[in-house]
Amino acid sequence: MLESLLGSADGERVLLFITERGEGYGRQIADFWGCSVTGIQRRLDRMESGGVLQAKGVGRTRVYTWNPRWPFSQELQALMRKAIAFLPAAQRLRLQEDRRRPRRRGKPS
């Protein structure tokens, strides 16, 4: 949807994910969208060096969030929220669902 504006589909995926969930890391974003980790990592690195995103270390993982000091942060987040509203309903619900706790042992799927 915003690929032409952001330069790539991976850039759009990264920003949609981080806008909806607040934070994310490369493998998590790539697994969610079913795409290459390498492309997502490159886009995350480029957005961090450009100041759009900021990263913090959590163990061995770099977790990315919006950089509140970037001058266009609020405007870009508003655009991404509007883009999320135009996603298909099933994809939007899946993006909003944030399961972090592991499943109980022995629980049926």
PDB file of N, CA and C in Angstrom:
ATOM      1  N   MET A   1       0.823  -1.186   0.000  1.00  0.00           N
ATOM      2  CA  MET A   1       0.000   0.000   0.000  1.00  0.00           C
ATOM      3  C   MET A   1       0.878   1.266   0.000  1.00  0.00           C
ATOM      4  N   LEU A   2       1.851   1.333   0.907  1.00  0.00           N
ATOM      5  CA  LEU A   2       2.743   2.496   0.997  1.00  0.00           C
ATOM      6  C   LEU A   2       4.155   2.185   0.514  1.00  0.00           C
ATOM      7  N   GLU A   3       4.318   1.083  -0.230  1.00  0.00           N
ATOM      8  CA  GLU A   3       5.635   0.660  -0.674  1.00  0.00           C
ATOM      9  C   GLU A   3       6.349   1.742  -1.470  1.00  0.00           C
ATOM     10  N   SER A   4       5.626   2.392  -2.377  1.00  0.00           N
ATOM     11  CA  SER A   4       6.261   3.402  -3.216  1.00  0.00           C
ATOM     12  C   SER A   4       6.721   4.611  -2.398  1.00  0.00           C
ATOM     13  N   LEU A   5       6.021   4.907  -1.337  1.00  0.00           N
ATOM     14  CA  LEU A   5       6.393   6.033  -0.482  1.00  0.00           C
ATOM     15  C   LEU A   5       7.569   5.680   0.427  1.00  0.00           C
ATOM     16  N   LEU A   6       7.566   4.468   0.977  1.00  0.00           N
ATOM     17  CA  LEU A   6       8.595   4.061   1.940  1.00  0.00           C
ATOM     18  C   LEU A   6       9.795   3.388   1.296  1.00  0.00           C
ATOM     19  N   GLY A   7       9.732   3.073   0.017  1.00  0.00           N
ATOM     20  CA  GLY A   7      10.875   2.508  -0.680  1.00  0.00           C
ATOM     21  C   GLY A   7      10.846   1.003  -0.832  1.00  0.00           C
ATOM     22  N   SER A   8      10.145   0.294   0.026  1.00  0.00           N
ATOM     23  CA  SER A   8      10.075  -1.166  -0.105  1.00  0.00           C
ATOM     24  C   SER A   8       8.918  -1.717   0.718  1.00  0.00           C
ATOM     25  N   ALA A   9       8.569  -2.951   0.396  1.00  0.00           N
ATOM     26  CA  ALA A   9       7.519  -3.626   1.168  1.00  0.00           C
ATOM     27  C   ALA A   9       8.011  -3.905   2.580  1.00  0.00           C
ATOM     28  N   ASP A  10       9.306  -4.200   2.725  1.00  0.00           N
ATOM     29  CA  ASP A  10       9.851  -4.473   4.057  1.00  0.00           C
ATOM     30  C   ASP A  10       9.759  -3.245   4.957  1.00  0.00           C
ATOM     31  N   GLY A  11       9.985  -2.071   4.412  1.00  0.00           N
ATOM     32  CA  GLY A  11       9.863  -0.846   5.195  1.00  0.00           C
ATOM     33  C   GLY A  11       8.443  -0.641   5.692  1.00  0.00           C
ATOM     34  N   GLU A  12       7.498  -0.934   4.831  1.00  0.00           N
ATOM     35  CA  GLU A  12       6.088  -0.828   5.216  1.00  0.00           C
ATOM     36  C   GLU A  12       5.753  -1.837   6.308  1.00  0.00           C
ATOM     37  N   ARG A  13       6.227  -3.058   6.153  1.00  0.00           N
ATOM     38  CA  ARG A  13       5.954  -4.101   7.137  1.00  0.00           C
ATOM     39  C   ARG A  13       6.509  -3.748   8.506  1.00  0.00           C
ATOM     40  N   VAL A  14       7.740  -3.246   8.514  1.00  0.00           N
ATOM     41  CA  VAL A  14       8.388  -2.860   9.778  1.00  0.00           C
ATOM     42  C   VAL A  14       7.572  -1.783  10.488  1.00  0.00           C
ATOM     43  N   LEU A  15       7.216  -0.740   9.764  1.00  0.00           N
ATOM     44  CA  LEU A  15       6.512   0.377  10.395  1.00  0.00           C
ATOM     45  C   LEU A  15       5.093   0.007  10.817  1.00  0.00           C
ATOM     46  N   LEU A  16       4.406  -0.815  10.031  1.00  0.00           N
ATOM     47  CA  LEU A  16       3.067  -1.258  10.428  1.00  0.00           C
ATOM     48  C   LEU A  16       3.141  -2.066  11.724  1.00  0.00           C
ATOM     49  N   PHE A  17       4.106  -2.976  11.797  1.00  0.00           N
ATOM     50  CA  PHE A  17       4.253  -3.828  12.975  1.00  0.00           C
ATOM     51  C   PHE A  17       4.579  -2.995  14.209  1.00  0.00           C
ATOM     52  N   ILE A  18       5.548  -2.103  14.097  1.00  0.00           N
ATOM     53  CA  ILE A  18       5.968  -1.313  15.256  1.00  0.00           C
ATOM     54  C   ILE A  18       4.893  -0.309  15.657  1.00  0.00           C
ATOM     55  N   THR A  19       4.149   0.197  14.698  1.00  0.00           N
ATOM     56  CA  THR A  19       3.065   1.115  15.032  1.00  0.00           C
ATOM     57  C   THR A  19       1.996   0.406  15.852  1.00  0.00           C
ATOM     58  N   GLU A  20       1.636  -0.787  15.437  1.00  0.00           N
ATOM     59  CA  GLU A  20       0.547  -1.496  16.124  1.00  0.00           C
ATOM     60  C   GLU A  20       0.981  -2.097  17.455  1.00  0.00           C
ATOM     61  N   ARG A  21       2.170  -2.655  17.512  1.00  0.00           N
ATOM     62  CA  ARG A  21       2.598  -3.349  18.726  1.00  0.00           C
ATOM     63  C   ARG A  21       3.506  -2.527  19.633  1.00  0.00           C
ATOM     64  N   GLY A  22       3.993  -1.397  19.162  1.00  0.00           N
ATOM     65  CA  GLY A  22       4.831  -0.541  20.001  1.00  0.00           C
ATOM     66  C   GLY A  22       6.310  -0.838  19.918  1.00  0.00           C
ATOM     67  N   GLU A  23       6.669  -2.088  19.677  1.00  0.00           N
ATOM     68  CA  GLU A  23       8.071  -2.479  19.556  1.00  0.00           C
ATOM     69  C   GLU A  23       8.155  -3.795  18.822  1.00  0.00           C
ATOM     70  N   GLY A  24       9.363  -4.118  18.365  1.00  0.00           N
ATOM     71  CA  GLY A  24       9.556  -5.392  17.687  1.00  0.00           C
ATOM     72  C   GLY A  24      11.017  -5.605  17.375  1.00  0.00           C
ATOM     73  N   TYR A  25      11.358  -6.847  17.060  1.00  0.00           N
ATOM     74  CA  TYR A  25      12.723  -7.161  16.653  1.00  0.00           C
ATOM     75  C   TYR A  25      12.668  -7.908  15.323  1.00  0.00           C
ATOM     76  N   GLY A  26      13.798  -8.002  14.668  1.00  0.00           N
ATOM     77  CA  GLY A  26      13.856  -8.492  13.299  1.00  0.00           C
ATOM     78  C   GLY A  26      13.190  -9.826  13.057  1.00  0.00           C
ATOM     79  N   ARG A  27      13.553 -10.838  13.808  1.00  0.00           N
ATOM     80  CA  ARG A  27      13.002 -12.178  13.606  1.00  0.00           C
ATOM     81  C   ARG A  27      11.491 -12.187  13.849  1.00  0.00           C
ATOM     82  N   GLN A  28      11.035 -11.481  14.866  1.00  0.00           N
ATOM     83  CA  GLN A  28       9.606 -11.425  15.190  1.00  0.00           C
ATOM     84  C   GLN A  28       8.816 -10.813  14.025  1.00  0.00           C
ATOM     85  N   ILE A  29       9.320  -9.721  13.477  1.00  0.00           N
ATOM     86  CA  ILE A  29       8.634  -9.042  12.368  1.00  0.00           C
ATOM     87  C   ILE A  29       8.635  -9.921  11.121  1.00  0.00           C
ATOM     88  N   ALA A  30       9.790 -10.524  10.814  1.00  0.00           N
ATOM     89  CA  ALA A  30       9.895 -11.383   9.631  1.00  0.00           C
ATOM     90  C   ALA A  30       8.993 -12.601   9.757  1.00  0.00           C
ATOM     91  N   ASP A  31       8.941 -13.215  10.922  1.00  0.00           N
ATOM     92  CA  ASP A  31       8.071 -14.380  11.124  1.00  0.00           C
ATOM     93  C   ASP A  31       6.604 -13.998  10.989  1.00  0.00           C
ATOM     94  N   PHE A  32       6.239 -12.836  11.510  1.00  0.00           N
ATOM     95  CA  PHE A  32       4.848 -12.397  11.424  1.00  0.00           C
ATOM     96  C   PHE A  32       4.417 -12.242   9.961  1.00  0.00           C
ATOM     97  N   TRP A  33       5.231 -11.565   9.151  1.00  0.00           N
ATOM     98  CA  TRP A  33       4.873 -11.297   7.765  1.00  0.00           C
ATOM     99  C   TRP A  33       5.250 -12.438   6.823  1.00  0.00           C
ATOM    100  N   GLY A  34       6.037 -13.413   7.306  1.00  0.00           N
ATOM    101  CA  GLY A  34       6.443 -14.533   6.452  1.00  0.00           C
ATOM    102  C   GLY A  34       7.417 -14.118   5.370  1.00  0.00           C
ATOM    103  N   CYS A  35       8.390 -13.294   5.720  1.00  0.00           N
ATOM    104  CA  CYS A  35       9.360 -12.810   4.745  1.00  0.00           C
ATOM    105  C   CYS A  35      10.784 -13.019   5.275  1.00  0.00           C
ATOM    106  N   SER A  36      11.747 -12.587   4.519  1.00  0.00           N
ATOM    107  CA  SER A  36      13.155 -12.789   4.848  1.00  0.00           C
ATOM    108  C   SER A  36      13.607 -11.932   6.030  1.00  0.00           C
ATOM    109  N   VAL A  37      14.339 -12.539   6.949  1.00  0.00           N
ATOM    110  CA  VAL A  37      14.868 -11.811   8.103  1.00  0.00           C
ATOM    111  C   VAL A  37      15.908 -10.793   7.649  1.00  0.00           C
ATOM    112  N   THR A  38      16.689 -11.155   6.633  1.00  0.00           N
ATOM    113  CA  THR A  38      17.750 -10.276   6.147  1.00  0.00           C
ATOM    114  C   THR A  38      17.190  -8.946   5.655  1.00  0.00           C
ATOM    115  N   GLY A  39      16.130  -8.994   4.865  1.00  0.00           N
ATOM    116  CA  GLY A  39      15.524  -7.763   4.356  1.00  0.00           C
ATOM    117  C   GLY A  39      14.972  -6.892   5.472  1.00  0.00           C
ATOM    118  N   ILE A  40      14.335  -7.513   6.448  1.00  0.00           N
ATOM    119  CA  ILE A  40      13.782  -6.773   7.587  1.00  0.00           C
ATOM    120  C   ILE A  40      14.909  -6.153   8.400  1.00  0.00           C
ATOM    121  N   GLN A  41      15.982  -6.917   8.640  1.00  0.00           N
ATOM    122  CA  GLN A  41      17.114  -6.393   9.417  1.00  0.00           C
ATOM    123  C   GLN A  41      17.752  -5.204   8.715  1.00  0.00           C
ATOM    124  N   ARG A  42      17.925  -5.307   7.409  1.00  0.00           N
ATOM    125  CA  ARG A  42      18.496  -4.178   6.648  1.00  0.00           C
ATOM    126  C   ARG A  42      17.633  -2.933   6.801  1.00  0.00           C
ATOM    127  N   ARG A  43      16.328  -3.120   6.693  1.00  0.00           N
ATOM    128  CA  ARG A  43      15.417  -1.975   6.793  1.00  0.00           C
ATOM    129  C   ARG A  43      15.438  -1.395   8.207  1.00  0.00           C
ATOM    130  N   LEU A  44      15.480  -2.249   9.229  1.00  0.00           N
ATOM    131  CA  LEU A  44      15.571  -1.768  10.611  1.00  0.00           C
ATOM    132  C   LEU A  44      16.853  -0.975  10.830  1.00  0.00           C
ATOM    133  N   ASP A  45      17.979  -1.495  10.322  1.00  0.00           N
ATOM    134  CA  ASP A  45      19.259  -0.786  10.459  1.00  0.00           C
ATOM    135  C   ASP A  45      19.223   0.566   9.759  1.00  0.00           C
ATOM    136  N   ARG A  46      18.639   0.594   8.565  1.00  0.00           N
ATOM    137  CA  ARG A  46      18.565   1.845   7.803  1.00  0.00           C
ATOM    138  C   ARG A  46      17.669   2.861   8.522  1.00  0.00           C
ATOM    139  N   MET A  47      16.552   2.404   9.080  1.00  0.00           N
ATOM    140  CA  MET A  47      15.649   3.316   9.788  1.00  0.00           C
ATOM    141  C   MET A  47      16.262   3.797  11.098  1.00  0.00           C
ATOM    142  N   GLU A  48      17.055   2.949  11.739  1.00  0.00           N
ATOM    143  CA  GLU A  48      17.735   3.385  12.960  1.00  0.00           C
ATOM    144  C   GLU A  48      18.809   4.418  12.642  1.00  0.00           C
ATOM    145  N   SER A  49      19.583   4.181  11.593  1.00  0.00           N
ATOM    146  CA  SER A  49      20.628   5.150  11.244  1.00  0.00           C
ATOM    147  C   SER A  49      20.025   6.467  10.752  1.00  0.00           C
ATOM    148  N   GLY A  50      18.819   6.429  10.189  1.00  0.00           N
ATOM    149  CA  GLY A  50      18.134   7.636   9.753  1.00  0.00           C
ATOM    150  C   GLY A  50      17.412   8.360  10.884  1.00  0.00           C
ATOM    151  N   GLY A  51      17.348   7.735  12.064  1.00  0.00           N
ATOM    152  CA  GLY A  51      16.723   8.377  13.208  1.00  0.00           C
ATOM    153  C   GLY A  51      15.240   8.122  13.365  1.00  0.00           C
ATOM    154  N   VAL A  52      14.646   7.358  12.450  1.00  0.00           N
ATOM    155  CA  VAL A  52      13.211   7.083  12.522  1.00  0.00           C
ATOM    156  C   VAL A  52      12.902   6.163  13.706  1.00  0.00           C
ATOM    157  N   LEU A  53      13.739   5.152  13.893  1.00  0.00           N
ATOM    158  CA  LEU A  53      13.558   4.190  14.972  1.00  0.00           C
ATOM    159  C   LEU A  53      14.738   4.263  15.930  1.00  0.00           C
ATOM    160  N   GLN A  54      14.523   3.803  17.139  1.00  0.00           N
ATOM    161  CA  GLN A  54      15.620   3.667  18.092  1.00  0.00           C
ATOM    162  C   GLN A  54      15.616   2.234  18.592  1.00  0.00           C
ATOM    163  N   ALA A  55      16.791   1.752  18.992  1.00  0.00           N
ATOM    164  CA  ALA A  55      16.906   0.363  19.427  1.00  0.00           C
ATOM    165  C   ALA A  55      17.504   0.295  20.816  1.00  0.00           C
ATOM    166  N   LYS A  56      17.117  -0.746  21.522  1.00  0.00           N
ATOM    167  CA  LYS A  56      17.720  -1.004  22.831  1.00  0.00           C
ATOM    168  C   LYS A  56      18.034  -2.489  22.880  1.00  0.00           C
ATOM    169  N   GLY A  57      19.052  -2.830  23.628  1.00  0.00           N
ATOM    170  CA  GLY A  57      19.431  -4.222  23.762  1.00  0.00           C
ATOM    171  C   GLY A  57      18.652  -4.880  24.879  1.00  0.00           C
ATOM    172  N   VAL A  58      18.047  -6.004  24.584  1.00  0.00           N
ATOM    173  CA  VAL A  58      17.359  -6.813  25.590  1.00  0.00           C
ATOM    174  C   VAL A  58      17.990  -8.201  25.472  1.00  0.00           C
ATOM    175  N   GLY A  59      18.951  -8.469  26.330  1.00  0.00           N
ATOM    176  CA  GLY A  59      19.723  -9.698  26.192  1.00  0.00           C
ATOM    177  C   GLY A  59      20.561  -9.604  24.933  1.00  0.00           C
ATOM    178  N   ARG A  60      20.427 -10.591  24.053  1.00  0.00           N
ATOM    179  CA  ARG A  60      21.160 -10.573  22.782  1.00  0.00           C
ATOM    180  C   ARG A  60      20.318 -10.010  21.644  1.00  0.00           C
ATOM    181  N   THR A  61      19.142  -9.526  21.947  1.00  0.00           N
ATOM    182  CA  THR A  61      18.199  -9.055  20.929  1.00  0.00           C
ATOM    183  C   THR A  61      18.137  -7.540  20.918  1.00  0.00           C
ATOM    184  N   ARG A  62      18.079  -6.962  19.709  1.00  0.00           N
ATOM    185  CA  ARG A  62      17.875  -5.513  19.568  1.00  0.00           C
ATOM    186  C   ARG A  62      16.391  -5.273  19.311  1.00  0.00           C
ATOM    187  N   VAL A  63      15.741  -4.579  20.239  1.00  0.00           N
ATOM    188  CA  VAL A  63      14.316  -4.294  20.140  1.00  0.00           C
ATOM    189  C   VAL A  63      14.153  -2.856  19.660  1.00  0.00           C
ATOM    190  N   TYR A  64      13.354  -2.673  18.615  1.00  0.00           N
ATOM    191  CA  TYR A  64      13.185  -1.362  17.981  1.00  0.00           C
ATOM    192  C   TYR A  64      11.844  -0.738  18.362  1.00  0.00           C
ATOM    193  N   THR A  65      11.860   0.569  18.568  1.00  0.00           N
ATOM    194  CA  THR A  65      10.657   1.356  18.840  1.00  0.00           C
ATOM    195  C   THR A  65      10.756   2.655  18.043  1.00  0.00           C
ATOM    196  N   TRP A  66       9.670   3.404  18.009  1.00  0.00           N
ATOM    197  CA  TRP A  66       9.701   4.721  17.374  1.00  0.00           C
ATOM    198  C   TRP A  66      10.653   5.633  18.147  1.00  0.00           C
ATOM    199  N   ASN A  67      11.334   6.499  17.439  1.00  0.00           N
ATOM    200  CA  ASN A  67      12.200   7.488  18.061  1.00  0.00           C
ATOM    201  C   ASN A  67      11.371   8.754  18.284  1.00  0.00           C
ATOM    202  N   PRO A  68      11.016   9.077  19.530  1.00  0.00           N
ATOM    203  CA  PRO A  68      10.159  10.244  19.773  1.00  0.00           C
ATOM    204  C   PRO A  68      10.846  11.574  19.446  1.00  0.00           C
ATOM    205  N   ARG A  69      12.159  11.566  19.327  1.00  0.00           N
ATOM    206  CA  ARG A  69      12.883  12.805  18.997  1.00  0.00           C
ATOM    207  C   ARG A  69      12.965  13.079  17.499  1.00  0.00           C
ATOM    208  N   TRP A  70      12.594  12.116  16.666  1.00  0.00           N
ATOM    209  CA  TRP A  70      12.613  12.333  15.227  1.00  0.00           C
ATOM    210  C   TRP A  70      11.504  13.325  14.885  1.00  0.00           C
ATOM    211  N   PRO A  71      11.796  14.375  14.113  1.00  0.00           N
ATOM    212  CA  PRO A  71      10.820  15.471  13.917  1.00  0.00           C
ATOM    213  C   PRO A  71       9.478  15.063  13.308  1.00  0.00           C
ATOM    214  N   PHE A  72       9.453  14.016  12.493  1.00  0.00           N
ATOM    215  CA  PHE A  72       8.207  13.636  11.816  1.00  0.00           C
ATOM    216  C   PHE A  72       7.581  12.381  12.406  1.00  0.00           C
ATOM    217  N   SER A  73       7.962  12.031  13.607  1.00  0.00           N
ATOM    218  CA  SER A  73       7.502  10.798  14.236  1.00  0.00           C
ATOM    219  C   SER A  73       5.978  10.745  14.356  1.00  0.00           C
ATOM    220  N   GLN A  74       5.380  11.778  14.896  1.00  0.00           N
ATOM    221  CA  GLN A  74       3.925  11.779  15.100  1.00  0.00           C
ATOM    222  C   GLN A  74       3.159  11.695  13.782  1.00  0.00           C
ATOM    223  N   GLU A  75       3.634  12.421  12.773  1.00  0.00           N
ATOM    224  CA  GLU A  75       2.958  12.429  11.482  1.00  0.00           C
ATOM    225  C   GLU A  75       3.044  11.066  10.798  1.00  0.00           C
ATOM    226  N   LEU A  76       4.230  10.447  10.841  1.00  0.00           N
ATOM    227  CA  LEU A  76       4.387   9.138  10.218  1.00  0.00           C
ATOM    228  C   LEU A  76       3.590   8.072  10.965  1.00  0.00           C
ATOM    229  N   GLN A  77       3.532   8.163  12.282  1.00  0.00           N
ATOM    230  CA  GLN A  77       2.733   7.209  13.052  1.00  0.00           C
ATOM    231  C   GLN A  77       1.244   7.356  12.714  1.00  0.00           C
ATOM    232  N   ALA A  78       0.790   8.583  12.528  1.00  0.00           N
ATOM    233  CA  ALA A  78      -0.616   8.807  12.153  1.00  0.00           C
ATOM    234  C   ALA A  78      -0.898   8.206  10.779  1.00  0.00           C
ATOM    235  N   LEU A  79       0.037   8.358   9.843  1.00  0.00           N
ATOM    236  CA  LEU A  79      -0.120   7.772   8.515  1.00  0.00           C
ATOM    237  C   LEU A  79      -0.156   6.249   8.599  1.00  0.00           C
ATOM    238  N   MET A  80       0.683   5.660   9.434  1.00  0.00           N
ATOM    239  CA  MET A  80       0.713   4.209   9.569  1.00  0.00           C
ATOM    240  C   MET A  80      -0.572   3.690  10.229  1.00  0.00           C
ATOM    241  N   ARG A  81      -1.107   4.431  11.201  1.00  0.00           N
ATOM    242  CA  ARG A  81      -2.380   4.023  11.815  1.00  0.00           C
ATOM    243  C   ARG A  81      -3.513   4.051  10.784  1.00  0.00           C
ATOM    244  N   LYS A  82      -3.473   5.022   9.898  1.00  0.00           N
ATOM    245  CA  LYS A  82      -4.480   5.099   8.849  1.00  0.00           C
ATOM    246  C   LYS A  82      -4.319   3.937   7.871  1.00  0.00           C
ATOM    247  N   ALA A  83      -3.080   3.568   7.565  1.00  0.00           N
ATOM    248  CA  ALA A  83      -2.825   2.433   6.675  1.00  0.00           C
ATOM    249  C   ALA A  83      -3.302   1.134   7.321  1.00  0.00           C
ATOM    250  N   ILE A  84      -3.133   0.998   8.634  1.00  0.00           N
ATOM    251  CA  ILE A  84      -3.606  -0.198   9.344  1.00  0.00           C
ATOM    252  C   ILE A  84      -5.118  -0.322   9.231  1.00  0.00           C
ATOM    253  N   ALA A  85      -5.813   0.805   9.242  1.00  0.00           N
ATOM    254  CA  ALA A  85      -7.278   0.789   9.121  1.00  0.00           C
ATOM    255  C   ALA A  85      -7.725   0.245   7.763  1.00  0.00           C
ATOM    256  N   PHE A  86      -6.870   0.319   6.743  1.00  0.00           N
ATOM    257  CA  PHE A  86      -7.223  -0.160   5.414  1.00  0.00           C
ATOM    258  C   PHE A  86      -6.773  -1.595   5.150  1.00  0.00           C
ATOM    259  N   LEU A  87      -6.113  -2.232   6.111  1.00  0.00           N
ATOM    260  CA  LEU A  87      -5.727  -3.633   5.958  1.00  0.00           C
ATOM    261  C   LEU A  87      -6.969  -4.514   6.015  1.00  0.00           C
ATOM    262  N   PRO A  88      -6.915  -5.698   5.401  1.00  0.00           N
ATOM    263  CA  PRO A  88      -8.042  -6.632   5.539  1.00  0.00           C
ATOM    264  C   PRO A  88      -8.277  -6.951   7.012  1.00  0.00           C
ATOM    265  N   ALA A  89      -9.511  -7.181   7.378  1.00  0.00           N
ATOM    266  CA  ALA A  89      -9.881  -7.370   8.785  1.00  0.00           C
ATOM    267  C   ALA A  89      -9.102  -8.500   9.450  1.00  0.00           C
ATOM    268  N   ALA A  90      -8.933  -9.614   8.766  1.00  0.00           N
ATOM    269  CA  ALA A  90      -8.214 -10.749   9.364  1.00  0.00           C
ATOM    270  C   ALA A  90      -6.766 -10.386   9.652  1.00  0.00           C
ATOM    271  N   GLN A  91      -6.136  -9.688   8.721  1.00  0.00           N
ATOM    272  CA  GLN A  91      -4.739  -9.289   8.914  1.00  0.00           C
ATOM    273  C   GLN A  91      -4.606  -8.253  10.030  1.00  0.00           C
ATOM    274  N   ARG A  92      -5.544  -7.341  10.100  1.00  0.00           N
ATOM    275  CA  ARG A  92      -5.538  -6.316  11.149  1.00  0.00           C
ATOM    276  C   ARG A  92      -5.683  -6.950  12.527  1.00  0.00           C
ATOM    277  N   LEU A  93      -6.605  -7.911  12.657  1.00  0.00           N
ATOM    278  CA  LEU A  93      -6.795  -8.598  13.945  1.00  0.00           C
ATOM    279  C   LEU A  93      -5.558  -9.386  14.334  1.00  0.00           C
ATOM    280  N   ARG A  94      -4.931 -10.047  13.366  1.00  0.00           N
ATOM    281  CA  ARG A  94      -3.720 -10.809  13.641  1.00  0.00           C
ATOM    282  C   ARG A  94      -2.582  -9.887  14.087  1.00  0.00           C
ATOM    283  N   LEU A  95      -2.522  -8.707  13.494  1.00  0.00           N
ATOM    284  CA  LEU A  95      -1.497  -7.732  13.856  1.00  0.00           C
ATOM    285  C   LEU A  95      -1.727  -7.195  15.262  1.00  0.00           C
ATOM    286  N   GLN A  96      -2.980  -7.051  15.649  1.00  0.00           N
ATOM    287  CA  GLN A  96      -3.303  -6.528  16.979  1.00  0.00           C
ATOM    288  C   GLN A  96      -3.112  -7.577  18.069  1.00  0.00           C
ATOM    289  N   GLU A  97      -3.206  -8.832  17.710  1.00  0.00           N
ATOM    290  CA  GLU A  97      -3.071  -9.918  18.681  1.00  0.00           C
ATOM    291  C   GLU A  97      -1.600 -10.057  19.058  1.00  0.00           C
ATOM    292  N   ASP A  98      -1.305  -9.891  20.325  1.00  0.00           N
ATOM    293  CA  ASP A  98       0.084  -9.922  20.775  1.00  0.00           C
ATOM    294  C   ASP A  98       0.221 -10.945  21.894  1.00  0.00           C
ATOM    295  N   ARG A  99       0.467 -12.173  21.526  1.00  0.00           N
ATOM    296  CA  ARG A  99       0.572 -13.257  22.505  1.00  0.00           C
ATOM    297  C   ARG A  99       2.018 -13.396  22.944  1.00  0.00           C
ATOM    298  N   ARG A 100       2.302 -13.185  24.208  1.00  0.00           N
ATOM    299  CA  ARG A 100       3.669 -13.260  24.713  1.00  0.00           C
ATOM    300  C   ARG A 100       3.881 -14.401  25.687  1.00  0.00           C
ATOM    301  N   ARG A 101       2.830 -14.837  26.357  1.00  0.00           N
ATOM    302  CA  ARG A 101       2.985 -15.928  27.317  1.00  0.00           C
ATOM    303  C   ARG A 101       3.017 -17.260  26.587  1.00  0.00           C
ATOM    304  N   PRO A 102       3.810 -18.203  27.054  1.00  0.00           N
ATOM    305  CA  PRO A 102       3.810 -19.528  26.432  1.00  0.00           C
ATOM    306  C   PRO A 102       2.520 -20.279  26.773  1.00  0.00           C
ATOM    307  N   ARG A 103       2.187 -21.232  25.936  1.00  0.00           N
ATOM    308  CA  ARG A 103       1.000 -22.049  26.185  1.00  0.00           C
ATOM    309  C   ARG A 103       1.256 -22.998  27.334  1.00  0.00           C
ATOM    310  N   ARG A 104       0.216 -23.312  28.068  1.00  0.00           N
ATOM    311  CA  ARG A 104       0.309 -24.252  29.177  1.00  0.00           C
ATOM    312  C   ARG A 104       0.665 -25.640  28.621  1.00  0.00           C
ATOM    313  N   ARG A 105       1.516 -26.336  29.316  1.00  0.00           N
ATOM    314  CA  ARG A 105       1.930 -27.670  28.886  1.00  0.00           C
ATOM    315  C   ARG A 105       0.717 -28.604  28.831  1.00  0.00           C
ATOM    316  N   GLY A 106       0.596 -29.352  27.738  1.00  0.00           N
ATOM    317  CA  GLY A 106      -0.489 -30.314  27.595  1.00  0.00           C
ATOM    318  C   GLY A 106      -1.793 -29.730  27.101  1.00  0.00           C
ATOM    319  N   LYS A 107      -1.858 -28.430  26.873  1.00  0.00           N
ATOM    320  CA  LYS A 107      -3.096 -27.809  26.410  1.00  0.00           C
ATOM    321  C   LYS A 107      -3.316 -28.150  24.928  1.00  0.00           C
ATOM    322  N   PRO A 108      -4.526 -28.587  24.566  1.00  0.00           N
ATOM    323  CA  PRO A 108      -4.762 -28.926  23.154  1.00  0.00           C
ATOM    324  C   PRO A 108      -4.698 -27.673  22.277  1.00  0.00           C
ATOM    325  N   SER A 109      -4.244 -27.869  21.048  1.00  0.00           N
ATOM    326  CA  SER A 109      -4.094 -26.741  20.117  1.00  0.00           C
ATOM    327  C   SER A 109      -5.378 -26.221  19.708  1.00  0.00           C
TER     328      SER A 109
END
